[in-house]
């Protein structure tokens, strides 16, 4: 074999391990890291105060029902405004909206930590969520448009999936640490120095994306935001008011009517908030459905296992947070291998395997009892959930963003993350309602079995959706994110 043939063979077999890095590789890597730190902050804030709720109640005097608004205010604002945030990033510039949203988030984190009344804290949490909704869609769009090639984009998406999936459990751990060592206020104060650091360094290492000309879809923005808020608000209230209450039914009706107006508007508007073609793709719709089901099942685990650890096993805030480390470590472990597996197995196979494993994990959790132990009955299912979620998240994200034009990347990102928030709200509302039907006053365990069987049903539904809707007649191949064509020349 000639030396030229040997060189060609070496090049073909090691094409994914370049020896010469592009001149801007360090800047790009630093920019990706900065954006991911911000994403982690935005995601973990949905749960970071969970383990501190009893101390918040004692300090500020919340009532039993109103205490839930410390969590719900953030979820409502975050989920309801995500599509608007995505479109603003497309039109006004993603880095600009990232900075505006993160500035809001950081400011109201500080004000929330300084709150002296329940109203002040709930308002600060809502405005935190609004800032997160402005910043979060731009995070994913900046990641995908900053990468120089497809392999780099897939690695960035894997890291994004790891951060987003593990953020909830990291929030529980971090909340437990700062609550035990200091005060519940530090669950909010901790965002301030991190937010400032990201804001100071972002423009230096992250490149602004081009602004897209076009009129802004005001009707679409209002109907999407208010429709999502109405649905999430209704779902959050179902454990307290019931699925058939006037409040719940009216909220659903209003939300669905607003979404119907949104659909009618988007097919007619020249610059719609949600591009109709984004939801005409069978594989993308299937991926969004799987994401909602998986996130819904996982959020129910956080809600119920946290209470089981504290009320049955007698864990404190720090121990409760640490109990979810297997989930976080499982997600991060999978993020190291999913980019390579995606090109070998394909998105559909990976999602099917991960969903099937989640079914096993939740069936295991349904057997929790008063005599169960952490190592015997909690550690294993939580680890399975982490590994499975890490296996699912990256191919789902890549499928949703696959083939999306650069000018619509922010809208697609907002659609994906809106699905996550609504999926979490649906999961918690449905599964807590099932738990309540079997609960016994003063006891935690009696409602656990039907609740986690419902979580298993969510995971089984994800498996069926992946089997039916993620099919592709072509051989398994990596999802191509057709974003900026000129990015290939950056390297």
Protein backbone atom coordinates (compact mmCIF):
# COMPACT_ATOMS: atom_id res chain seq x y z
CA UNK A 1 0.00 0.00 0.00
CA UNK A 2 1.41 3.39 -0.96
CA UNK A 3 1.93 6.15 1.57
CA UNK A 4 -0.81 8.21 -0.06
CA UNK A 5 -3.26 5.29 0.27
CA UNK A 6 -2.28 4.82 3.90
CA UNK A 7 -2.85 8.50 4.54
CA UNK A 8 -6.27 8.36 2.89
CA UNK A 9 -7.26 5.29 4.94
CA UNK A 10 -6.16 6.98 8.14
CA UNK A 11 -8.15 10.06 7.22
CA UNK A 12 -11.28 8.01 6.57
CA UNK A 13 -11.05 6.00 9.77
CA UNK A 14 -10.29 8.94 12.04
CA UNK A 15 -12.40 11.64 10.40
CA UNK A 16 -14.19 12.33 13.65
CA UNK A 17 -10.96 12.93 15.55
CA UNK A 18 -9.29 15.92 13.79
CA UNK A 19 -5.73 16.69 14.77
CA UNK A 20 -5.90 20.33 13.64
CA UNK A 21 -8.42 22.43 15.53
CA UNK A 22 -9.90 25.50 13.85
CA UNK A 23 -8.29 28.75 14.94
CA UNK A 24 -11.41 29.87 16.83
CA UNK A 25 -12.02 26.51 18.57
CA UNK A 26 -11.13 27.88 22.02
CA UNK A 27 -13.49 30.83 21.65
CA UNK A 28 -16.33 28.61 20.43
CA UNK A 29 -15.83 26.12 23.28
CA UNK A 30 -15.79 28.93 25.84
CA UNK A 31 -18.97 30.40 24.34
CA UNK A 32 -20.71 27.03 24.51
CA UNK A 33 -19.69 26.65 28.16
CA UNK A 34 -20.98 30.12 29.04
CA UNK A 35 -24.34 29.51 27.37
CA UNK A 36 -24.70 26.09 29.06
CA UNK A 37 -24.03 27.60 32.49
CA UNK A 38 -26.92 29.98 31.86
CA UNK A 39 -29.14 27.10 30.73
CA UNK A 40 -28.36 25.16 33.90
CA UNK A 41 -29.29 28.17 36.00
CA UNK A 42 -32.61 28.62 34.19
CA UNK A 43 -33.58 24.94 34.43
CA UNK A 44 -32.60 24.22 38.02
CA UNK A 45 -34.55 27.21 39.29
CA UNK A 46 -37.75 25.24 38.67
CA UNK A 47 -36.79 22.94 41.58
CA UNK A 48 -34.05 24.67 43.58
CA UNK A 49 -36.55 26.00 46.13
CA UNK A 50 -38.46 22.71 46.54
CA UNK A 51 -36.58 21.44 49.57
CA UNK A 52 -36.65 24.93 51.13
CA UNK A 53 -40.45 25.33 51.00
CA UNK A 54 -41.05 24.46 54.68
CA UNK A 55 -38.57 27.13 55.79
CA UNK A 56 -40.02 29.68 53.35
CA UNK A 57 -43.45 28.97 54.84
CA UNK A 58 -42.16 29.48 58.38
CA UNK A 59 -40.28 32.68 57.51
CA UNK A 60 -42.86 34.49 55.35
CA UNK A 61 -46.12 32.97 56.61
CA UNK A 62 -47.55 31.37 53.47
CA UNK A 63 -50.75 29.38 53.84
CA UNK A 64 -50.83 25.68 52.85
CA UNK A 65 -52.39 26.37 49.44
CA UNK A 66 -50.57 29.58 48.56
CA UNK A 67 -47.13 28.05 49.23
CA UNK A 68 -47.35 26.16 45.91
CA UNK A 69 -47.24 29.48 44.05
CA UNK A 70 -43.55 29.80 44.92
CA UNK A 71 -43.07 27.03 42.35
CA UNK A 72 -46.06 27.66 40.12
CA UNK A 73 -45.40 31.36 39.46
CA UNK A 74 -42.06 30.47 37.88
CA UNK A 75 -43.50 27.58 35.85
CA UNK A 76 -46.45 29.61 34.55
CA UNK A 77 -44.35 32.53 33.38
CA UNK A 78 -41.59 30.33 31.97
CA UNK A 79 -43.91 27.97 30.08
CA UNK A 80 -46.34 30.63 28.93
CA UNK A 81 -43.80 33.05 27.44
CA UNK A 82 -41.35 30.65 25.79
CA UNK A 83 -42.79 30.89 22.27
CA UNK A 84 -42.76 34.66 22.51
CA UNK A 85 -39.15 34.54 23.67
CA UNK A 86 -38.19 32.32 20.75
CA UNK A 87 -39.75 34.62 18.18
CA UNK A 88 -38.18 37.71 19.78
CA UNK A 89 -34.78 36.05 19.44
CA UNK A 90 -35.38 35.34 15.76
CA UNK A 91 -36.42 38.93 15.01
CA UNK A 92 -34.35 41.00 17.45
CA UNK A 93 -31.18 38.90 17.68
CA UNK A 94 -30.65 35.85 19.87
CA UNK A 95 -27.68 37.10 21.84
CA UNK A 96 -29.49 40.35 22.55
CA UNK A 97 -32.58 38.54 23.86
CA UNK A 98 -30.38 36.13 25.80
CA UNK A 99 -28.78 39.09 27.57
CA UNK A 100 -32.10 40.86 28.22
CA UNK A 101 -33.73 37.71 29.57
CA UNK A 102 -30.76 36.75 31.74
CA UNK A 103 -30.58 40.30 33.13
CA UNK A 104 -34.24 40.05 34.17
CA UNK A 105 -33.68 36.63 35.68
CA UNK A 106 -30.66 37.80 37.68
CA UNK A 107 -32.31 40.99 38.94
CA UNK A 108 -35.47 39.25 40.14
CA UNK A 109 -33.44 36.45 41.71
CA UNK A 110 -31.90 39.14 43.90
CA UNK A 111 -35.25 40.76 44.68
CA UNK A 112 -36.81 37.36 45.43
CA UNK A 113 -34.07 36.62 47.94
CA UNK A 114 -34.78 39.97 49.62
CA UNK A 115 -38.59 39.43 49.71
CA UNK A 116 -40.29 40.15 53.02
CA UNK A 117 -43.85 39.10 52.13
CA UNK A 118 -45.43 36.21 50.19
CA UNK A 119 -46.65 38.60 47.48
CA UNK A 120 -43.16 39.99 46.91
CA UNK A 121 -41.66 36.52 46.57
CA UNK A 122 -44.36 35.20 44.21
CA UNK A 123 -44.09 38.31 42.00
CA UNK A 124 -40.30 38.00 41.87
CA UNK A 125 -40.58 34.33 40.93
CA UNK A 126 -43.02 35.16 38.11
CA UNK A 127 -40.68 37.80 36.72
CA UNK A 128 -37.78 35.37 37.06
CA UNK A 129 -39.76 32.98 34.88
CA UNK A 130 -40.45 35.73 32.33
CA UNK A 131 -36.72 36.44 32.10
CA UNK A 132 -35.98 32.73 31.71
CA UNK A 133 -38.53 32.52 28.88
CA UNK A 134 -36.78 35.35 27.03
CA UNK A 135 -33.33 33.76 27.43
CA UNK A 136 -33.96 30.01 27.14
CA UNK A 137 -34.96 29.72 23.43
CA UNK A 138 -31.86 31.71 22.45
CA UNK A 139 -29.64 29.30 24.41
CA UNK A 140 -30.36 26.40 22.07
CA UNK A 141 -30.30 28.56 18.95
CA UNK A 142 -26.91 30.06 19.94
CA UNK A 143 -25.49 26.59 20.59
CA UNK A 144 -26.52 25.20 17.23
CA UNK A 145 -25.52 28.24 15.17
CA UNK A 146 -22.14 28.60 16.92
CA UNK A 147 -20.93 25.08 16.15
CA UNK A 148 -18.63 24.82 13.10
CA UNK A 149 -19.93 21.47 11.85
CA UNK A 150 -22.50 18.73 12.42
CA UNK A 151 -20.34 16.73 14.83
CA UNK A 152 -19.78 19.82 16.99
CA UNK A 153 -23.51 20.59 16.94
CA UNK A 154 -24.35 17.06 18.10
CA UNK A 155 -21.82 17.33 20.94
CA UNK A 156 -23.30 20.68 21.96
CA UNK A 157 -26.82 19.20 21.83
CA UNK A 158 -25.71 16.27 23.99
CA UNK A 159 -24.32 18.66 26.59
CA UNK A 160 -27.50 20.75 26.38
CA UNK A 161 -29.56 17.62 26.94
CA UNK A 162 -27.44 16.63 29.93
CA UNK A 163 -27.72 20.07 31.49
CA UNK A 164 -31.45 20.38 30.84
CA UNK A 165 -32.31 16.87 31.99
CA UNK A 166 -30.16 16.93 35.11
CA UNK A 167 -31.02 20.51 36.04
CA UNK A 168 -34.06 19.57 38.12
CA UNK A 169 -32.15 17.08 40.29
CA UNK A 170 -29.15 19.41 40.56
CA UNK A 171 -31.58 22.08 41.75
CA UNK A 172 -32.77 19.78 44.53
CA UNK A 173 -29.19 19.06 45.60
CA UNK A 174 -28.11 22.70 45.47
CA UNK A 175 -31.25 23.82 47.28
CA UNK A 176 -30.59 21.30 50.04
CA UNK A 177 -26.98 22.41 50.46
CA UNK A 178 -27.61 26.15 50.67
CA UNK A 179 -30.72 25.73 52.84
CA UNK A 180 -28.87 23.53 55.32
CA UNK A 181 -25.74 25.72 55.40
CA UNK A 182 -27.38 29.12 55.28
CA UNK A 183 -30.92 30.21 54.45
CA UNK A 184 -33.61 29.55 51.87
CA UNK A 185 -32.79 33.01 50.50
CA UNK A 186 -29.53 31.68 49.10
CA UNK A 187 -31.49 29.42 46.73
CA UNK A 188 -32.17 32.70 44.90
CA UNK A 189 -29.08 34.76 45.79
CA UNK A 190 -26.80 32.12 44.26
CA UNK A 191 -28.04 33.07 40.79
CA UNK A 192 -26.79 36.65 41.10
CA UNK A 193 -22.98 36.23 40.85
CA UNK A 194 -23.35 33.50 38.22
CA UNK A 195 -25.73 35.63 36.15
CA UNK A 196 -23.43 38.64 36.33
CA UNK A 197 -20.42 36.55 35.27
CA UNK A 198 -22.30 35.15 32.26
CA UNK A 199 -23.54 38.59 31.22
CA UNK A 200 -20.07 40.12 31.44
CA UNK A 201 -18.44 37.41 29.34
CA UNK A 202 -21.19 36.40 26.88
CA UNK A 203 -20.66 39.06 24.21
CA UNK A 204 -16.92 38.44 24.23
CA UNK A 205 -17.22 34.75 23.37
CA UNK A 206 -20.66 34.36 21.76
CA UNK A 207 -21.41 35.80 18.32
CA UNK A 208 -24.70 37.56 17.68
CA UNK A 209 -26.94 35.99 15.06
CA UNK A 210 -28.35 38.02 12.15
CA UNK A 211 -31.65 39.72 12.73
CA UNK A 212 -34.51 38.63 10.51
CA UNK A 213 -36.67 41.22 8.82
CA UNK A 214 -40.41 40.96 9.10
CA UNK A 215 -43.46 42.15 10.97
CA UNK A 216 -44.03 40.85 14.46
CA UNK A 217 -47.00 38.54 14.99
CA UNK A 218 -48.76 40.35 17.85
CA UNK A 219 -51.93 38.23 17.78
CA UNK A 220 -49.86 35.04 17.69
CA UNK A 221 -47.73 36.23 20.61
CA UNK A 222 -50.76 37.05 22.76
CA UNK A 223 -52.76 33.90 21.97
CA UNK A 224 -49.76 31.57 22.36
CA UNK A 225 -48.75 33.13 25.67
CA UNK A 226 -52.22 33.41 27.20
CA UNK A 227 -53.29 30.01 25.88
CA UNK A 228 -50.26 28.29 27.41
CA UNK A 229 -50.71 30.18 30.68
CA UNK A 230 -54.40 29.18 30.85
CA UNK A 231 -53.62 25.49 30.30
CA UNK A 232 -50.69 25.39 32.72
CA UNK A 233 -52.71 27.33 35.33
CA UNK A 234 -55.56 24.84 35.00
CA UNK A 235 -53.28 21.83 35.27
CA UNK A 236 -51.43 23.17 38.30
CA UNK A 237 -54.72 23.65 40.13
CA UNK A 238 -56.17 20.20 39.47
CA UNK A 239 -54.77 18.51 42.61
CA UNK A 240 -56.52 21.12 44.75
CA UNK A 241 -59.70 21.80 42.76
CA UNK A 242 -60.22 18.57 40.80
CA UNK A 243 -60.29 17.74 37.09
CA UNK A 244 -64.04 18.38 36.76
CA UNK A 245 -64.20 21.65 38.69
CA UNK A 246 -65.52 24.81 37.01
CA UNK A 247 -62.10 26.40 37.46
CA UNK A 248 -60.27 23.58 35.69
CA UNK A 249 -62.75 23.13 32.84
CA UNK A 250 -63.01 26.88 32.22
CA UNK A 251 -59.22 27.19 32.13
CA UNK A 252 -58.94 24.36 29.60
CA UNK A 253 -61.70 25.80 27.42
CA UNK A 254 -60.14 29.27 27.39
CA UNK A 255 -56.69 27.83 26.69
CA UNK A 256 -57.92 25.64 23.82
CA UNK A 257 -59.93 28.49 22.27
CA UNK A 258 -56.85 30.73 22.37
CA UNK A 259 -54.75 28.01 20.77
CA UNK A 260 -57.35 27.60 18.01
CA UNK A 261 -57.12 31.34 17.35
CA UNK A 262 -53.33 30.93 17.30
CA UNK A 263 -53.54 28.12 14.72
CA UNK A 264 -55.84 30.17 12.49
CA UNK A 265 -53.56 33.20 12.78
CA UNK A 266 -50.34 31.32 12.07
CA UNK A 267 -51.51 29.87 8.73
CA UNK A 268 -52.46 33.36 7.53
CA UNK A 269 -49.77 35.65 8.96
CA UNK A 270 -46.79 36.38 6.68
CA UNK A 271 -44.37 36.16 9.64
CA UNK A 272 -46.03 33.77 12.10
CA UNK A 273 -44.87 33.19 15.65
CA UNK A 274 -44.96 29.41 15.10
CA UNK A 275 -44.11 28.36 11.56
CA UNK A 276 -46.88 25.97 10.43
CA UNK A 277 -44.36 23.70 8.72
CA UNK A 278 -42.68 23.05 12.08
CA UNK A 279 -45.72 21.10 13.25
CA UNK A 280 -46.51 19.44 9.91
CA UNK A 281 -43.49 17.16 10.15
CA UNK A 282 -44.53 13.77 11.57
CA UNK A 283 -41.17 13.00 13.19
CA UNK A 284 -40.93 16.43 14.81
CA UNK A 285 -44.46 16.17 16.25
CA UNK A 286 -43.66 12.68 17.54
CA UNK A 287 -40.45 13.91 19.14
CA UNK A 288 -42.32 16.75 20.88
CA UNK A 289 -44.91 14.29 22.21
CA UNK A 290 -42.19 11.99 23.55
CA UNK A 291 -40.46 14.93 25.22
CA UNK A 292 -43.66 16.00 26.97
CA UNK A 293 -44.38 12.45 28.21
CA UNK A 294 -40.84 11.81 29.47
CA UNK A 295 -40.58 15.17 31.25
CA UNK A 296 -44.04 14.65 32.76
CA UNK A 297 -43.03 11.27 34.18
CA UNK A 298 -39.74 12.62 35.53
CA UNK A 299 -41.30 15.67 37.21
CA UNK A 300 -43.70 13.37 39.02
CA UNK A 301 -40.68 11.44 40.32
CA UNK A 302 -39.10 14.61 41.68
CA UNK A 303 -42.33 15.60 43.37
CA UNK A 304 -43.12 12.24 44.97
CA UNK A 305 -39.66 10.85 45.73
CA UNK A 306 -38.64 14.10 47.45
CA UNK A 307 -41.59 13.71 49.80
CA UNK A 308 -40.93 10.00 50.31
CA UNK A 309 -37.30 10.69 51.24
CA UNK A 310 -38.26 13.36 53.77
CA UNK A 311 -41.50 11.97 55.21
CA UNK A 312 -40.83 8.21 55.20
CA UNK A 313 -37.04 7.87 55.20
CA UNK A 314 -36.50 10.93 57.42
CA UNK A 315 -33.96 12.66 55.15
CA UNK A 316 -33.07 16.33 55.65
CA UNK A 317 -32.86 18.91 52.82
CA UNK A 318 -29.25 18.09 51.91
CA UNK A 319 -29.77 14.32 52.06
CA UNK A 320 -32.88 14.64 49.91
CA UNK A 321 -31.00 16.60 47.28
CA UNK A 322 -28.08 14.15 47.38
CA UNK A 323 -30.50 11.26 46.89
CA UNK A 324 -31.01 12.48 43.30
CA UNK A 325 -27.31 12.44 42.41
CA UNK A 326 -27.72 9.09 40.60
CA UNK A 327 -30.15 10.78 38.22
CA UNK A 328 -27.76 13.65 37.44
CA UNK A 329 -24.75 11.37 37.09
CA UNK A 330 -26.71 9.01 34.83
CA UNK A 331 -27.69 11.86 32.53
CA UNK A 332 -24.15 13.22 32.32
CA UNK A 333 -22.71 9.75 31.71
CA UNK A 334 -25.07 9.21 28.78
CA UNK A 335 -24.25 12.64 27.31
CA UNK A 336 -20.72 11.40 26.67
CA UNK A 337 -21.84 8.59 24.35
CA UNK A 338 -25.12 9.70 22.78
CA UNK A 339 -23.55 11.76 19.92
CA UNK A 340 -21.75 8.63 18.66
CA UNK A 341 -24.71 6.32 19.26
CA UNK A 342 -27.04 8.61 17.32
CA UNK A 343 -25.15 7.93 14.07
CA UNK A 344 -25.13 4.17 14.76
CA UNK A 345 -28.60 3.47 16.18
CA UNK A 346 -30.67 6.39 14.97
CA UNK A 347 -33.02 8.57 17.00
CA UNK A 348 -35.99 6.19 16.95
CA UNK A 349 -34.11 3.18 18.34
CA UNK A 350 -32.47 5.26 21.08
CA UNK A 351 -35.79 6.76 22.19
CA UNK A 352 -37.47 3.34 22.21
CA UNK A 353 -34.72 1.82 24.37
CA UNK A 354 -34.74 4.75 26.79
CA UNK A 355 -38.54 4.79 27.10
CA UNK A 356 -38.68 1.04 27.75
CA UNK A 357 -36.09 1.41 30.52
CA UNK A 358 -38.15 4.22 32.08
CA UNK A 359 -41.16 1.90 32.24
CA UNK A 360 -39.05 -0.57 34.25
CA UNK A 361 -37.82 2.15 36.61
CA UNK A 362 -41.29 3.46 37.40
CA UNK A 363 -42.72 -0.02 37.89
CA UNK A 364 -39.93 -0.53 40.44
CA UNK A 365 -40.81 2.72 42.23
CA UNK A 366 -44.47 1.69 42.42
CA UNK A 367 -43.41 -0.97 44.95
CA UNK A 368 -42.24 1.59 47.56
CA UNK A 369 -43.52 0.89 51.06
CA UNK A 370 -43.00 1.94 54.66
CA UNK A 371 -40.27 -0.68 55.14
CA UNK A 372 -38.41 0.14 51.90
CA UNK A 373 -34.87 1.53 52.03
CA UNK A 374 -33.11 4.07 49.85
CA UNK A 375 -30.50 1.65 48.53
CA UNK A 376 -32.97 -1.16 48.01
CA UNK A 377 -35.91 0.69 46.46
CA UNK A 378 -34.97 4.27 45.45
CA UNK A 379 -31.37 4.33 44.24
CA UNK A 380 -31.89 1.84 41.38
CA UNK A 381 -35.00 3.41 39.82
CA UNK A 382 -33.54 6.94 40.11
CA UNK A 383 -30.34 5.79 38.36
CA UNK A 384 -32.37 4.07 35.63
CA UNK A 385 -34.38 7.27 35.12
CA UNK A 386 -31.18 9.30 34.75
CA UNK A 387 -29.53 6.92 32.29
CA UNK A 388 -32.74 6.59 30.27
CA UNK A 389 -33.43 10.31 30.14
CA UNK A 390 -29.87 11.00 29.02
CA UNK A 391 -30.30 8.37 26.32
CA UNK A 392 -33.52 10.00 25.08
CA UNK A 393 -32.95 13.73 25.39
CA UNK A 394 -30.24 14.33 22.78
CA UNK A 395 -31.88 12.41 19.87
CA UNK A 396 -35.22 14.06 20.62
CA UNK A 397 -33.64 17.54 20.63
CA UNK A 398 -31.78 16.80 17.39
CA UNK A 399 -34.98 15.50 15.76
CA UNK A 400 -37.00 18.59 16.72
CA UNK A 401 -34.32 20.96 15.40
CA UNK A 402 -33.39 18.86 12.38
CA UNK A 403 -33.78 20.71 9.09
CA UNK A 404 -34.96 23.94 10.72
CA UNK A 405 -34.00 27.06 8.77
CA UNK A 406 -31.68 29.52 10.57
CA UNK A 407 -34.36 32.21 10.74
CA UNK A 408 -36.71 29.84 12.61
CA UNK A 409 -34.23 28.19 15.00
CA UNK A 410 -35.39 30.32 17.93
CA UNK A 411 -39.04 29.50 17.29
CA UNK A 412 -38.27 25.78 17.11
CA UNK A 413 -36.27 26.02 20.34
CA UNK A 414 -39.14 27.83 22.04
CA UNK A 415 -41.57 25.17 20.82
CA UNK A 416 -39.37 22.40 22.25
CA UNK A 417 -38.98 24.04 25.64
CA UNK A 418 -42.64 25.01 25.82
CA UNK A 419 -43.41 21.33 25.32
CA UNK A 420 -41.10 20.48 28.21
CA UNK A 421 -42.80 22.93 30.57
CA UNK A 422 -46.30 21.84 29.59
CA UNK A 423 -45.23 18.20 29.83
CA UNK A 424 -43.97 18.78 33.34
CA UNK A 425 -47.19 20.52 34.34
CA UNK A 426 -49.34 17.75 32.84
CA UNK A 427 -47.27 15.06 34.53
CA UNK A 428 -47.37 16.60 37.99
CA UNK A 429 -51.09 17.46 37.76
CA UNK A 430 -52.19 14.07 36.44
CA UNK A 431 -50.01 11.92 38.66
CA UNK A 432 -50.62 13.93 41.85
CA UNK A 433 -54.36 13.67 41.16
CA UNK A 434 -54.01 9.89 40.88
CA UNK A 435 -51.95 9.86 44.07
CA UNK A 436 -54.63 11.85 45.91
CA UNK A 437 -57.36 9.31 45.05
CA UNK A 438 -55.49 6.58 46.93
CA UNK A 439 -53.99 8.69 49.70
CA UNK A 440 -54.79 8.21 53.38
CA UNK A 441 -54.69 11.30 55.64
CA UNK A 442 -51.50 11.38 57.69
CA UNK A 443 -49.82 8.67 55.61
CA UNK A 444 -47.71 9.08 52.48
CA UNK A 445 -47.28 5.58 51.07
CA UNK A 446 -50.88 4.44 50.23
CA UNK A 447 -51.15 6.53 47.04
CA UNK A 448 -47.64 5.80 45.76
CA UNK A 449 -48.39 2.64 43.78
CA UNK A 450 -51.11 4.04 41.46
CA UNK A 451 -49.13 7.28 41.06
CA UNK A 452 -45.96 5.57 39.82
CA UNK A 453 -47.99 3.16 37.70
CA UNK A 454 -49.29 6.30 35.98
CA UNK A 455 -45.69 7.45 35.49
CA UNK A 456 -44.96 4.06 33.92
CA UNK A 457 -47.97 4.57 31.65
CA UNK A 458 -46.56 7.94 30.53
CA UNK A 459 -43.27 6.21 29.67
CA UNK A 460 -45.09 3.40 27.83
CA UNK A 461 -46.99 6.02 25.83
CA UNK A 462 -43.63 7.62 24.91
CA UNK A 463 -42.42 4.21 23.69
CA UNK A 464 -45.52 3.75 21.51
CA UNK A 465 -45.28 7.26 20.06
CA UNK A 466 -41.60 6.74 19.21
CA UNK A 467 -42.39 3.40 17.58
CA UNK A 468 -45.18 4.82 15.40
CA UNK A 469 -44.10 8.40 14.61
CA UNK A 470 -40.31 8.39 14.57
CA UNK A 471 -40.10 5.80 11.81
CA UNK A 472 -37.88 6.66 8.86
CA UNK A 473 -37.68 4.55 5.72
CA UNK A 474 -34.05 5.47 5.31
CA UNK A 475 -31.28 3.74 7.24
CA UNK A 476 -30.52 5.20 10.68
CA UNK A 477 -28.46 8.32 10.28
CA UNK A 478 -27.55 11.33 12.34
CA UNK A 479 -30.05 14.14 12.20
CA UNK A 480 -28.70 16.97 10.09
CA UNK A 481 -29.27 20.37 11.59
CA UNK A 482 -29.48 22.51 8.47
CA UNK A 483 -28.79 25.81 10.14
CA UNK A 484 -26.11 28.21 8.88
CA UNK A 485 -24.52 26.75 5.70
CA UNK A 486 -21.60 29.08 5.98
CA UNK A 487 -20.65 27.65 9.37
CA UNK A 488 -18.72 24.91 7.60
CA UNK A 489 -16.27 27.55 6.43
CA UNK A 490 -15.54 28.77 9.96
CA UNK A 491 -13.25 25.83 10.61
